[in-house]
């Protein structure tokens, strides 16, 4: 999980806000990288979607989601991610 967060370029707090969890939860998930973590199904879908969209769009989605997060917060970043996933021209 830390690798994905670092690839997007967010702090642990920004990552936690994006996933809708507390910072301590996000930190704990990263510390348990070698063990299975229990994660909410919706958060798992967000992570899966983010990973897939990064593979498909590369750096362009990361820059866009980062900008969205900085300008308007985690919910807007999630909205932009969903736009990439479900619209032909986000």
Protein backbone atom coordinates (compact mmCIF):
# COMPACT_ATOMS: atom_id res chain seq x y z
CA UNK A 1 0.00 0.00 0.00
CA UNK A 2 2.87 2.35 0.75
CA UNK A 3 4.24 1.86 -2.77
CA UNK A 4 0.93 2.95 -4.28
CA UNK A 5 0.69 5.96 -1.97
CA UNK A 6 4.24 6.98 -2.80
CA UNK A 7 3.57 6.55 -6.50
CA UNK A 8 0.67 8.98 -6.24
CA UNK A 9 2.87 11.30 -4.18
CA UNK A 10 0.70 11.77 -1.10
CA UNK A 11 1.50 11.93 2.57
CA UNK A 12 0.00 9.31 4.85
CA UNK A 13 -2.60 11.86 5.97
CA UNK A 14 -3.62 12.73 2.40
CA UNK A 15 -3.86 9.03 1.60
CA UNK A 16 -6.03 8.42 4.66
CA UNK A 17 -8.39 11.26 3.71
CA UNK A 18 -8.67 9.90 0.16
CA UNK A 19 -9.58 6.43 1.48
CA UNK A 20 -11.88 7.77 4.19
CA UNK A 21 -9.94 6.38 7.14
CA UNK A 22 -7.94 7.81 9.99
CA UNK A 23 -4.26 8.47 9.56
CA UNK A 24 -3.40 5.84 12.17
CA UNK A 25 -5.35 3.23 10.17
CA UNK A 26 -3.51 4.09 6.94
CA UNK A 27 -0.19 3.96 8.81
CA UNK A 28 -1.08 0.60 10.36
CA UNK A 29 -1.97 -0.83 6.93
CA UNK A 30 1.43 0.22 5.63
CA UNK A 31 3.20 -1.35 8.58
CA UNK A 32 1.38 -4.64 7.97
CA UNK A 33 2.52 -4.90 4.36
CA UNK A 34 3.68 -8.48 4.81
CA UNK A 35 0.41 -9.56 6.44
CA UNK A 36 -3.15 -9.62 5.21
CA UNK A 37 -5.04 -6.53 6.29
CA UNK A 38 -8.75 -6.19 6.80
CA UNK A 39 -10.08 -3.48 4.58
CA UNK A 40 -13.58 -2.30 3.84
CA UNK A 41 -14.87 -3.59 0.48
CA UNK A 42 -15.42 -0.03 -0.79
CA UNK A 43 -11.86 0.96 0.06
CA UNK A 44 -10.61 -2.19 -1.65
CA UNK A 45 -12.53 -1.19 -4.79
CA UNK A 46 -11.04 2.31 -4.69
CA UNK A 47 -7.52 0.86 -4.42
CA UNK A 48 -8.21 -1.59 -7.22
CA UNK A 49 -9.63 1.16 -9.41
CA UNK A 50 -6.69 3.48 -8.71
CA UNK A 51 -4.18 0.75 -9.52
CA UNK A 52 -5.95 -0.14 -12.75
CA UNK A 53 -6.26 3.46 -13.88
CA UNK A 54 -2.58 4.14 -13.14
CA UNK A 55 -1.67 1.15 -15.28
CA UNK A 56 -3.94 2.40 -18.06
CA UNK A 57 -3.22 6.16 -17.95
CA UNK A 58 0.17 6.36 -16.23
CA UNK A 59 1.45 9.69 -14.97
CA UNK A 60 -1.42 11.74 -16.38
CA UNK A 61 -3.97 10.32 -13.94
CA UNK A 62 -1.58 10.66 -11.02
CA UNK A 63 -0.99 14.35 -11.76
CA UNK A 64 -4.70 14.98 -12.22
CA UNK A 65 -5.75 13.19 -9.04
CA UNK A 66 -2.94 14.89 -7.09
CA UNK A 67 -4.04 18.31 -8.33
CA UNK A 68 -7.66 17.56 -7.54
CA UNK A 69 -6.70 16.49 -4.03
CA UNK A 70 -4.62 19.61 -3.43
CA UNK A 71 -7.22 22.00 -4.81
CA UNK A 72 -10.44 20.57 -3.44
CA UNK A 73 -9.69 17.61 -1.18
CA UNK A 74 -10.11 13.86 -1.09
CA UNK A 75 -13.67 13.62 -2.36
CA UNK A 76 -12.86 15.63 -5.45
CA UNK A 77 -9.80 13.46 -6.08
CA UNK A 78 -12.03 10.39 -5.86
CA UNK A 79 -14.47 12.04 -8.27
CA UNK A 80 -11.65 12.63 -10.79
CA UNK A 81 -10.54 9.01 -10.44
CA UNK A 82 -14.08 7.85 -11.16
CA UNK A 83 -14.23 10.15 -14.18
CA UNK A 84 -11.15 8.44 -15.59
CA UNK A 85 -12.68 5.06 -14.99
CA UNK A 86 -16.14 5.68 -16.41
CA UNK A 87 -15.88 8.44 -19.00
CA UNK A 88 -14.16 8.29 -22.35
CA UNK A 89 -12.66 11.81 -22.09
CA UNK A 90 -12.22 12.86 -18.44
